[in-house]
């Protein structure tokens, strides 16, 4: 073995069947790992000579690393391995690294023409943050890299995940990618729709609410909105702080139609996979089950349960992380069933990151339907912009960006059209309730409106809100002839980054 490797500590029930003959040096490997102090998801670094590195073992069990989110640990763990391999190729340990070594490494990662997999400035800034944490913990001075120094940060740091879709484009993407329709609107002959309702319901819920993938993907069945706003088309509920990025609970809003689609999924597709799992005895074989015995009400709802060993427990709903939520079960008509809302075809909780695969497959179906065969043979990152613009490309986070753009346009129209506010009225209204930017910021749960403008609404951040609709097409008599779809289509033509059906199908036809 000539390279460093990373092994991740499995979670409960994911160890498989470790040998009990002592061939690993212990008779009970999970117990020995837990006794050391390692937790599920922690990385273990294996040196090129096959031994576990003690320095990195200490780092992983330190408060510096332990308090990181599990996904951040995984990202940092991969970043560290690549750096260790690079330094090893120079005959250096990480404690011997100098600023010059890190400058060379950055050049290789970001700029070297010989490197076929160069990274973006955003990715480098994340790696620099990981390395800074490592070198500070190891007391390596002078710091080989320090993310707080401007010269160690990339100036071209722009999120590559940002993309927006207009409502009609999301409809096209959903019809082809999630429902298996052809461009003519007919179901493809080979289409299998076992998870169609689940997938379309998830997308509609995120588009309506602006929830992040992990927030929407870790909902429990009893967390769906039930309170309908008076005279409105929206419902509201609370999202648990433990599954949010800020770790603060907040109110979220979802349209009545999107919640209705989710309820239809619960009563049909979901009920069917639960029944099959119960008949197959899958739930009885799970290593961890907590049967919910009650959910209290009030400002801080608490979930109470009893586990398979009869041990009674409970926790505030807002403090239950997404992994712990997968252990919760409720009493169903035919026995215990998962409290987790989104289930796999096997009737088991679907981890939030698996939605990436659903979106990936939907994007590929859109490419198959909308691109010529010779265009599909070229990997997306190498296609000409003209070819890329022929097919919608969405990610779970695109739902959140698109919701922000839609709400900004809609709120602006309501201010101008429904309420007939003059400029003075708008200023007075903004002082009392906030302008559309502030309202969208609140819906997304951002602490700072500048985050909303800079990252989520970049395509229109440079525009004055009044001008978005002011340029709407009118008749000779001054009557508007441009509806919301027309506004989105015009913005897509005039602004980079917004995907609209007119541009997509206009290049196809």
Protein backbone atom coordinates (compact mmCIF):
# COMPACT_ATOMS: atom_id res chain seq x y z
CA UNK A 1 0.00 0.00 0.00
CA UNK A 2 1.63 3.25 -1.16
CA UNK A 3 -1.04 5.77 -0.18
CA UNK A 4 -2.93 6.96 2.87
CA UNK A 5 -6.43 5.56 3.32
CA UNK A 6 -9.43 6.59 5.39
CA UNK A 7 -11.81 4.11 7.03
CA UNK A 8 -15.11 5.40 8.43
CA UNK A 9 -16.55 4.08 11.70
CA UNK A 10 -19.88 2.38 10.86
CA UNK A 11 -23.12 3.25 12.61
CA UNK A 12 -25.24 0.87 14.71
CA UNK A 13 -26.25 -2.17 12.70
CA UNK A 14 -23.82 -1.38 9.86
CA UNK A 15 -20.82 -3.43 11.00
CA UNK A 16 -21.87 -6.56 9.20
CA UNK A 17 -20.45 -9.66 10.90
CA UNK A 18 -16.94 -8.91 12.21
CA UNK A 19 -14.82 -12.00 12.94
CA UNK A 20 -14.94 -13.06 16.60
CA UNK A 21 -11.80 -15.20 16.50
CA UNK A 22 -9.52 -12.33 17.48
CA UNK A 23 -8.00 -11.97 14.01
CA UNK A 24 -8.39 -8.19 14.35
CA UNK A 25 -6.63 -8.26 17.71
CA UNK A 26 -9.95 -8.04 19.56
CA UNK A 27 -12.96 -10.31 19.89
CA UNK A 28 -15.58 -7.54 19.73
CA UNK A 29 -14.50 -4.87 17.24
CA UNK A 30 -17.47 -2.46 17.67
CA UNK A 31 -17.01 -2.50 21.45
CA UNK A 32 -13.25 -1.94 21.15
CA UNK A 33 -13.77 1.02 18.79
CA UNK A 34 -16.34 2.55 21.14
CA UNK A 35 -14.01 2.04 24.10
CA UNK A 36 -11.31 4.07 22.35
CA UNK A 37 -13.77 6.94 22.07
CA UNK A 38 -14.55 6.85 18.36
CA UNK A 39 -18.08 7.57 17.21
CA UNK A 40 -20.06 6.53 14.11
CA UNK A 41 -18.92 8.60 11.15
CA UNK A 42 -15.46 9.30 12.55
CA UNK A 43 -12.53 8.79 10.14
CA UNK A 44 -9.59 6.50 10.96
CA UNK A 45 -6.41 7.29 9.00
CA UNK A 46 -4.31 4.37 7.82
CA UNK A 47 -0.71 5.13 6.91
CA UNK A 48 0.95 3.72 3.76
CA UNK A 49 2.60 1.04 5.95
CA UNK A 50 -0.84 -0.21 7.04
CA UNK A 51 -0.77 1.15 10.62
CA UNK A 52 -3.30 3.53 12.15
CA UNK A 53 -1.91 7.06 12.56
CA UNK A 54 -2.05 8.04 16.23
CA UNK A 55 -1.81 11.79 15.59
CA UNK A 56 -4.95 11.80 13.50
CA UNK A 57 -6.67 9.51 15.98
CA UNK A 58 -6.06 12.17 18.64
CA UNK A 59 -7.30 14.88 16.25
CA UNK A 60 -10.53 13.02 15.52
CA UNK A 61 -11.24 12.58 19.24
CA UNK A 62 -10.38 16.21 20.09
CA UNK A 63 -13.04 18.87 20.61
CA UNK A 64 -11.70 20.67 17.53
CA UNK A 65 -12.91 17.83 15.29
CA UNK A 66 -15.58 16.20 17.45
CA UNK A 67 -17.90 19.22 17.39
CA UNK A 68 -18.03 19.32 13.59
CA UNK A 69 -21.12 18.18 11.72
CA UNK A 70 -20.87 14.62 10.43
CA UNK A 71 -20.93 15.74 6.78
CA UNK A 72 -18.19 18.28 7.51
CA UNK A 73 -16.11 15.52 9.13
CA UNK A 74 -16.46 13.46 5.96
CA UNK A 75 -15.46 16.39 3.75
CA UNK A 76 -12.48 17.30 5.92
CA UNK A 77 -11.45 13.66 6.16
CA UNK A 78 -11.20 13.38 2.39
CA UNK A 79 -9.36 16.71 2.16
CA UNK A 80 -6.78 15.59 4.73
CA UNK A 81 -6.12 12.30 2.91
CA UNK A 82 -5.33 14.09 -0.36
CA UNK A 83 -2.94 16.48 1.39
CA UNK A 84 -1.22 13.64 3.23
CA UNK A 85 -0.64 11.78 -0.02
CA UNK A 86 0.78 14.92 -1.62
CA UNK A 87 3.16 15.55 1.28
CA UNK A 88 4.16 11.87 1.35
CA UNK A 89 5.17 12.12 -2.31
CA UNK A 90 7.63 14.82 -1.18
CA UNK A 91 8.91 12.71 1.70
CA UNK A 92 7.27 14.99 4.29
CA UNK A 93 4.95 14.49 7.24
CA UNK A 94 2.15 16.98 7.77
CA UNK A 95 4.01 18.46 10.75
CA UNK A 96 6.95 19.27 8.44
CA UNK A 97 4.83 21.16 5.90
CA UNK A 98 5.81 24.77 5.11
CA UNK A 99 3.91 27.66 3.51
CA UNK A 100 5.78 26.92 0.26
CA UNK A 101 4.53 23.30 0.29
CA UNK A 102 0.94 24.49 0.67
CA UNK A 103 1.39 27.10 -2.06
CA UNK A 104 2.57 24.35 -4.41
CA UNK A 105 -0.30 22.12 -3.35
CA UNK A 106 -2.82 24.88 -4.00
CA UNK A 107 -1.32 25.54 -7.41
CA UNK A 108 -1.65 21.85 -8.28
CA UNK A 109 -5.21 21.62 -7.01
CA UNK A 110 -6.50 24.82 -8.63
CA UNK A 111 -4.34 25.96 -11.52
CA UNK A 112 -1.89 23.34 -12.86
CA UNK A 113 -2.77 22.48 -16.50
CA UNK A 114 -1.35 18.98 -15.88
CA UNK A 115 -4.06 18.30 -13.29
CA UNK A 116 -7.14 16.91 -15.08
CA UNK A 117 -9.40 17.39 -12.03
CA UNK A 118 -8.71 20.95 -10.92
CA UNK A 119 -11.00 22.38 -8.26
CA UNK A 120 -12.86 25.68 -7.95
CA UNK A 121 -12.05 28.56 -5.64
CA UNK A 122 -15.00 27.62 -3.44
CA UNK A 123 -13.65 24.10 -2.99
CA UNK A 124 -10.16 25.42 -2.20
CA UNK A 125 -11.50 27.74 0.50
CA UNK A 126 -13.16 24.77 2.17
CA UNK A 127 -9.94 22.77 2.02
CA UNK A 128 -7.97 25.75 3.36
CA UNK A 129 -10.36 25.93 6.33
CA UNK A 130 -9.81 22.22 7.01
CA UNK A 131 -6.01 22.54 6.80
CA UNK A 132 -5.98 25.63 9.01
CA UNK A 133 -7.87 23.70 11.67
CA UNK A 134 -5.39 20.80 11.42
CA UNK A 135 -2.23 22.93 11.64
CA UNK A 136 -3.55 25.06 14.49
CA UNK A 137 -4.48 21.94 16.44
CA UNK A 138 -1.02 20.45 15.78
CA UNK A 139 0.69 23.75 16.71
CA UNK A 140 2.55 23.89 13.40
CA UNK A 141 4.01 27.41 13.15
CA UNK A 142 4.30 29.40 11.05
CA UNK A 143 0.96 28.19 9.74
CA UNK A 144 1.50 26.64 6.29
CA UNK A 145 -1.95 27.96 5.35
CA UNK A 146 -4.36 30.24 7.18
CA UNK A 147 -7.84 30.73 5.76
CA UNK A 148 -8.12 34.05 7.61
CA UNK A 149 -5.33 35.46 5.42
CA UNK A 150 -6.61 36.96 2.19
CA UNK A 151 -3.66 35.60 0.22
CA UNK A 152 -4.60 32.05 1.26
CA UNK A 153 -8.18 32.39 0.04
CA UNK A 154 -9.39 32.11 -3.54
CA UNK A 155 -10.81 35.26 -5.05
CA UNK A 156 -13.00 33.36 -7.52
CA UNK A 157 -15.08 31.70 -4.81
CA UNK A 158 -18.55 31.40 -6.29
CA UNK A 159 -20.97 28.63 -5.44
CA UNK A 160 -21.19 26.19 -8.32
CA UNK A 161 -24.38 24.65 -6.97
CA UNK A 162 -26.50 27.73 -7.63
CA UNK A 163 -29.16 27.28 -10.29
CA UNK A 164 -32.67 28.56 -10.73
CA UNK A 165 -35.63 27.15 -12.57
CA UNK A 166 -38.87 28.89 -13.47
CA UNK A 167 -42.15 27.16 -12.54
CA UNK A 168 -42.70 25.94 -16.10
CA UNK A 169 -39.18 24.54 -16.28
CA UNK A 170 -39.69 22.61 -13.07
CA UNK A 171 -42.89 21.23 -14.60
CA UNK A 172 -40.98 20.04 -17.68
CA UNK A 173 -38.17 18.56 -15.56
CA UNK A 174 -40.64 16.75 -13.30
CA UNK A 175 -42.73 15.39 -16.16
CA UNK A 176 -39.75 13.98 -18.05
CA UNK A 177 -37.35 13.21 -15.20
CA UNK A 178 -39.69 12.02 -12.43
CA UNK A 179 -42.83 10.90 -14.27
CA UNK A 180 -41.13 9.31 -17.27
CA UNK A 181 -42.97 11.34 -19.91
CA UNK A 182 -41.70 11.91 -23.39
CA UNK A 183 -41.36 15.39 -24.88
CA UNK A 184 -44.81 14.84 -26.37
CA UNK A 185 -46.25 14.43 -22.87
CA UNK A 186 -46.86 10.67 -23.11
CA UNK A 187 -45.62 8.05 -20.64
CA UNK A 188 -42.56 6.22 -21.97
CA UNK A 189 -43.30 2.54 -22.73
CA UNK A 190 -40.54 1.26 -20.42
CA UNK A 191 -41.32 3.61 -17.53
CA UNK A 192 -41.69 2.04 -14.06
CA UNK A 193 -43.38 4.37 -11.58
CA UNK A 194 -42.88 2.63 -8.23
CA UNK A 195 -41.54 5.81 -6.59
CA UNK A 196 -43.05 8.47 -8.82
CA UNK A 197 -45.40 9.89 -6.21
CA UNK A 198 -42.70 9.95 -3.53
CA UNK A 199 -40.23 11.78 -5.76
CA UNK A 200 -42.66 14.33 -7.18
CA UNK A 201 -44.11 15.01 -3.72
CA UNK A 202 -40.64 15.66 -2.28
CA UNK A 203 -39.74 18.07 -5.08
CA UNK A 204 -43.03 19.95 -4.81
CA UNK A 205 -42.67 20.25 -1.04
CA UNK A 206 -39.15 21.70 -1.35
CA UNK A 207 -40.17 24.03 -4.18
CA UNK A 208 -43.10 25.27 -2.13
CA UNK A 209 -41.34 25.61 1.23
CA UNK A 210 -37.70 26.37 0.40
CA UNK A 211 -36.54 23.69 2.84
CA UNK A 212 -33.02 22.34 2.41
CA UNK A 213 -32.49 18.73 1.36
CA UNK A 214 -31.69 17.58 4.90
CA UNK A 215 -34.55 19.58 6.41
CA UNK A 216 -37.21 18.26 4.06
CA UNK A 217 -35.61 14.82 3.79
CA UNK A 218 -35.68 14.12 7.53
CA UNK A 219 -39.31 15.05 8.26
CA UNK A 220 -41.40 12.70 10.38
CA UNK A 221 -44.99 11.85 9.45
CA UNK A 222 -46.33 13.86 12.37
CA UNK A 223 -44.30 16.95 11.41
CA UNK A 224 -46.23 17.72 8.23
CA UNK A 225 -48.04 21.07 8.27
CA UNK A 226 -51.58 20.82 9.61
CA UNK A 227 -52.35 24.47 10.35
CA UNK A 228 -53.78 26.31 7.38
CA UNK A 229 -53.41 30.07 7.15
CA UNK A 230 -56.76 31.85 7.20
CA UNK A 231 -58.05 32.58 3.67
CA UNK A 232 -54.71 31.38 2.28
CA UNK A 233 -53.24 28.66 0.14
CA UNK A 234 -50.38 27.96 2.55
CA UNK A 235 -49.94 25.90 5.68
CA UNK A 236 -47.24 26.23 8.31
CA UNK A 237 -45.31 24.03 10.72
CA UNK A 238 -41.99 23.98 12.61
CA UNK A 239 -38.74 22.52 11.35
CA UNK A 240 -36.55 21.01 14.08
CA UNK A 241 -33.39 22.93 14.87
CA UNK A 242 -31.25 19.78 14.95
CA UNK A 243 -31.71 19.21 11.19
CA UNK A 244 -31.11 22.83 10.15
CA UNK A 245 -27.80 24.44 9.32
CA UNK A 246 -28.16 27.11 11.99
CA UNK A 247 -29.38 24.58 14.63
CA UNK A 248 -32.32 26.89 15.33
CA UNK A 249 -35.92 25.79 14.92
CA UNK A 250 -38.05 27.96 12.65
CA UNK A 251 -41.50 28.14 11.09
CA UNK A 252 -41.78 27.05 7.48
CA UNK A 253 -44.63 27.44 5.02
CA UNK A 254 -45.80 25.05 2.32
CA UNK A 255 -48.64 25.30 -0.15
CA UNK A 256 -51.83 23.37 0.49
CA UNK A 257 -51.37 21.59 -2.87
CA UNK A 258 -47.85 20.36 -2.04
CA UNK A 259 -48.91 19.08 1.38
CA UNK A 260 -51.87 17.35 -0.28
CA UNK A 261 -49.46 15.57 -2.65
CA UNK A 262 -47.38 14.37 0.29
CA UNK A 263 -50.50 13.09 2.06
CA UNK A 264 -51.48 11.21 -1.10
CA UNK A 265 -48.02 9.60 -1.11
CA UNK A 266 -48.42 8.58 2.55
CA UNK A 267 -51.77 6.94 1.87
CA UNK A 268 -50.72 5.10 -1.29
CA UNK A 269 -47.09 4.42 -2.26
CA UNK A 270 -45.77 4.71 1.27
CA UNK A 271 -48.50 2.52 2.77
CA UNK A 272 -47.73 -0.13 0.15
CA UNK A 273 -43.98 -0.31 0.86
CA UNK A 274 -44.67 -0.36 4.62
CA UNK A 275 -47.03 -3.31 4.15
CA UNK A 276 -44.45 -5.22 2.09
CA UNK A 277 -41.74 -4.54 4.67
CA UNK A 278 -43.98 -5.76 7.49
CA UNK A 279 -44.83 -8.92 5.59
CA UNK A 280 -41.13 -9.55 4.95
CA UNK A 281 -40.31 -8.97 8.64
CA UNK A 282 -37.75 -6.25 7.85
CA UNK A 283 -38.63 -4.09 10.82
CA UNK A 284 -38.23 -6.98 13.27
CA UNK A 285 -34.64 -7.46 12.13
CA UNK A 286 -33.56 -3.84 12.64
CA UNK A 287 -30.91 -3.42 15.36
CA UNK A 288 -32.51 -0.25 16.77
CA UNK A 289 -36.21 0.61 17.08
CA UNK A 290 -37.80 3.24 19.29
CA UNK A 291 -41.58 2.93 19.35
CA UNK A 292 -43.14 6.35 19.87
CA UNK A 293 -45.60 6.31 22.76
CA UNK A 294 -46.48 9.98 22.68
CA UNK A 295 -45.68 13.45 21.38
CA UNK A 296 -46.33 16.33 23.73
CA UNK A 297 -47.57 19.73 22.56
CA UNK A 298 -46.51 23.25 23.43
CA UNK A 299 -43.53 25.44 22.63
CA UNK A 300 -41.08 22.55 22.99
CA UNK A 301 -42.79 19.33 21.84
CA UNK A 302 -41.20 16.18 23.22
CA UNK A 303 -41.16 12.70 21.69
CA UNK A 304 -41.51 9.83 24.15
CA UNK A 305 -40.64 6.24 23.24
CA UNK A 306 -39.80 2.76 24.42
CA UNK A 307 -37.06 0.76 22.67
CA UNK A 308 -36.98 -2.93 21.77
CA UNK A 309 -35.43 -3.75 25.16
CA UNK A 310 -38.25 -2.02 27.01
CA UNK A 311 -36.17 1.00 28.00
CA UNK A 312 -38.25 4.18 28.17
CA UNK A 313 -36.78 7.40 26.76
CA UNK A 314 -37.65 10.77 25.33
CA UNK A 315 -36.22 13.91 23.76
CA UNK A 316 -37.35 17.31 22.55
CA UNK A 317 -38.40 17.04 18.92
CA UNK A 318 -36.18 19.98 17.97
CA UNK A 319 -33.09 18.16 19.31
CA UNK A 320 -33.51 14.94 17.35
CA UNK A 321 -30.91 14.74 14.57
CA UNK A 322 -31.70 13.02 11.29
CA UNK A 323 -29.90 9.78 12.17
CA UNK A 324 -31.72 9.41 15.47
CA UNK A 325 -35.02 10.11 13.73
CA UNK A 326 -34.55 6.99 11.61
CA UNK A 327 -34.95 4.86 14.74
CA UNK A 328 -38.43 6.22 15.53
CA UNK A 329 -41.43 4.04 14.76
CA UNK A 330 -45.15 4.55 15.28
CA UNK A 331 -47.95 2.06 15.77
CA UNK A 332 -49.66 1.45 12.42
CA UNK A 333 -52.74 -0.62 11.49
CA UNK A 334 -50.59 -3.74 10.94
CA UNK A 335 -47.87 -3.08 13.50
CA UNK A 336 -44.90 -0.72 13.93
CA UNK A 337 -43.92 1.38 10.92
CA UNK A 338 -41.29 4.10 10.47
CA UNK A 339 -42.12 7.61 11.66
CA UNK A 340 -39.67 8.76 8.94
CA UNK A 341 -41.71 10.26 6.10
CA UNK A 342 -39.72 9.29 3.01
CA UNK A 343 -39.14 5.56 2.57
CA UNK A 344 -37.20 3.41 0.10
CA UNK A 345 -38.83 0.67 -1.95
CA UNK A 346 -37.83 -1.69 0.87
CA UNK A 347 -39.89 0.36 3.33
CA UNK A 348 -36.82 1.68 5.17
CA UNK A 349 -35.94 5.34 5.92
CA UNK A 350 -34.35 7.04 2.92
CA UNK A 351 -31.23 8.96 3.98
CA UNK A 352 -31.32 12.64 2.89
CA UNK A 353 -28.22 12.36 0.70
CA UNK A 354 -29.90 9.65 -1.42
CA UNK A 355 -32.08 12.35 -2.96
CA UNK A 356 -29.00 13.40 -4.92
CA UNK A 357 -29.30 10.15 -6.85
CA UNK A 358 -32.99 10.78 -7.59
CA UNK A 359 -32.16 14.19 -9.06
CA UNK A 360 -29.19 12.77 -10.96
CA UNK A 361 -31.34 10.14 -12.66
CA UNK A 362 -34.01 12.72 -13.49
CA UNK A 363 -31.36 14.92 -15.13
CA UNK A 364 -30.17 11.96 -17.20
CA UNK A 365 -33.73 11.21 -18.36
CA UNK A 366 -34.11 14.83 -19.45
CA UNK A 367 -30.87 14.56 -21.41
CA UNK A 368 -32.09 11.37 -23.09
CA UNK A 369 -35.35 13.04 -24.08
CA UNK A 370 -34.03 16.44 -25.13
CA UNK A 371 -30.52 15.89 -26.52
CA UNK A 372 -29.39 14.21 -29.69
CA UNK A 373 -27.44 10.97 -29.28
CA UNK A 374 -24.11 12.52 -30.24
CA UNK A 375 -24.65 15.34 -27.74
CA UNK A 376 -25.28 12.87 -24.90
CA UNK A 377 -21.96 11.11 -25.44
CA UNK A 378 -20.09 14.23 -24.25
CA UNK A 379 -19.81 14.62 -20.47
CA UNK A 380 -21.81 17.59 -19.20
CA UNK A 381 -18.82 19.65 -18.03
CA UNK A 382 -17.29 19.45 -21.50
CA UNK A 383 -20.41 20.35 -23.49
CA UNK A 384 -20.77 23.66 -25.23
CA UNK A 385 -23.03 26.17 -23.49
CA UNK A 386 -25.46 25.86 -26.39
CA UNK A 387 -25.85 22.13 -25.74
CA UNK A 388 -26.07 22.54 -21.96
CA UNK A 389 -28.87 25.04 -22.47
CA UNK A 390 -31.06 22.46 -24.18
CA UNK A 391 -31.87 20.46 -21.07
CA UNK A 392 -32.77 21.47 -17.50
CA UNK A 393 -30.30 20.50 -14.81
CA UNK A 394 -31.57 20.49 -11.22
CA UNK A 395 -30.27 19.60 -7.76
CA UNK A 396 -32.12 19.47 -4.42
CA UNK A 397 -30.71 22.90 -3.59
CA UNK A 398 -32.09 24.28 -6.87
CA UNK A 399 -35.53 23.94 -5.27
CA UNK A 400 -34.53 26.37 -2.54
CA UNK A 401 -33.01 28.90 -4.93
CA UNK A 402 -36.01 28.69 -7.26
CA UNK A 403 -38.46 29.15 -4.40
CA UNK A 404 -36.59 32.28 -3.32
CA UNK A 405 -36.73 33.76 -6.83
CA UNK A 406 -40.41 32.86 -7.25
CA UNK A 407 -41.40 34.38 -3.90
CA UNK A 408 -39.46 37.57 -4.65
CA UNK A 409 -41.28 38.07 -7.95
CA UNK A 410 -44.65 37.08 -6.48
CA UNK A 411 -44.33 39.33 -3.43
CA UNK A 412 -43.27 42.23 -5.60
CA UNK A 413 -46.30 41.73 -7.85
CA UNK A 414 -48.61 41.54 -4.84
CA UNK A 415 -47.20 44.77 -3.48
CA UNK A 416 -47.67 46.55 -6.79
CA UNK A 417 -50.78 44.95 -8.27
CA UNK A 418 -53.02 43.58 -5.53
CA UNK A 419 -52.47 46.35 -3.04
CA UNK A 420 -51.82 49.13 -5.57
CA UNK A 421 -49.07 50.60 -3.43
CA UNK A 422 -47.39 53.78 -4.52
CA UNK A 423 -43.66 54.26 -3.94
CA UNK A 424 -44.47 56.13 -0.72
CA UNK A 425 -46.88 53.38 0.36
CA UNK A 426 -44.19 50.77 -0.33
CA UNK A 427 -41.71 52.60 1.86
CA UNK A 428 -44.23 52.81 4.69
CA UNK A 429 -45.15 49.13 4.27
CA UNK A 430 -41.47 48.15 4.26
CA UNK A 431 -40.88 50.02 7.50
CA UNK A 432 -43.74 48.13 9.16
CA UNK A 433 -43.39 44.65 7.70
CA UNK A 434 -40.19 44.59 5.64
CA UNK A 435 -39.72 44.68 1.86
CA UNK A 436 -39.84 41.55 -0.35
CA UNK A 437 -36.10 40.94 0.12
CA UNK A 438 -36.57 40.81 3.88
CA UNK A 439 -39.65 38.59 3.64
CA UNK A 440 -37.83 36.07 1.41
CA UNK A 441 -34.90 36.13 3.84
CA UNK A 442 -37.32 35.22 6.64
CA UNK A 443 -38.90 32.40 4.64
CA UNK A 444 -35.46 30.89 3.97
CA UNK A 445 -34.38 31.21 7.60
CA UNK A 446 -31.34 33.38 6.82
CA UNK A 447 -29.87 35.57 9.54
CA UNK A 448 -28.70 38.24 7.09
CA UNK A 449 -30.58 39.58 4.08
CA UNK A 450 -27.26 40.01 2.27
CA UNK A 451 -26.90 36.21 2.19
CA UNK A 452 -30.27 36.03 0.46
CA UNK A 453 -29.28 38.62 -2.11
CA UNK A 454 -25.73 37.45 -2.75
CA UNK A 455 -26.23 33.68 -3.00
CA UNK A 456 -29.90 32.94 -3.60
CA UNK A 457 -31.10 35.86 -5.67
CA UNK A 458 -27.93 36.77 -7.54
CA UNK A 459 -29.67 36.88 -10.97
CA UNK A 460 -31.85 39.80 -9.87
CA UNK A 461 -29.82 41.27 -7.02
CA UNK A 462 -28.58 44.01 -9.31
CA UNK A 463 -32.09 45.02 -10.32
CA UNK A 464 -34.31 47.47 -8.52
CA UNK A 465 -37.41 45.57 -7.47
CA UNK A 466 -39.64 48.21 -9.01
CA UNK A 467 -38.07 47.61 -12.41
CA UNK A 468 -38.72 43.85 -12.51
CA UNK A 469 -42.38 44.32 -13.29
CA UNK A 470 -42.15 47.86 -14.59
CA UNK A 471 -40.84 46.53 -17.90
CA UNK A 472 -43.76 44.14 -18.30
CA UNK A 473 -45.36 44.24 -21.72
CA UNK A 474 -48.50 46.37 -21.94
CA UNK A 475 -51.17 47.13 -24.53
CA UNK A 476 -51.62 50.52 -26.12
CA UNK A 477 -54.18 51.23 -23.40
CA UNK A 478 -51.58 50.45 -20.71
CA UNK A 479 -53.05 47.10 -19.64
CA UNK A 480 -50.60 44.36 -18.65
CA UNK A 481 -50.37 41.42 -21.04
CA UNK A 482 -47.48 39.70 -19.27
CA UNK A 483 -48.31 37.25 -16.49
CA UNK A 484 -45.85 35.71 -14.01
CA UNK A 485 -44.71 33.14 -16.58
CA UNK A 486 -43.91 36.00 -18.91
CA UNK A 487 -41.95 37.82 -16.22
CA UNK A 488 -39.86 34.69 -15.52
CA UNK A 489 -39.30 34.08 -19.23
CA UNK A 490 -38.08 37.66 -19.69
CA UNK A 491 -35.76 37.44 -16.70
CA UNK A 492 -34.32 34.19 -18.09
CA UNK A 493 -33.61 35.87 -21.42
CA UNK A 494 -31.97 38.86 -19.77
CA UNK A 495 -30.15 37.22 -16.86
CA UNK A 496 -27.65 34.36 -16.71
CA UNK A 497 -28.37 31.39 -14.48
CA UNK A 498 -32.17 31.11 -14.81
CA UNK A 499 -33.49 28.10 -16.72
CA UNK A 500 -36.78 28.64 -18.53
CA UNK A 501 -38.80 26.37 -20.79
CA UNK A 502 -38.91 28.89 -23.67
CA UNK A 503 -35.11 28.90 -23.94
CA UNK A 504 -34.84 25.14 -23.48
CA UNK A 505 -37.50 24.07 -25.95
CA UNK A 506 -36.74 26.98 -28.25
CA UNK A 507 -33.32 25.44 -28.92
CA UNK A 508 -34.80 21.97 -29.27
CA UNK A 509 -37.47 22.81 -31.80
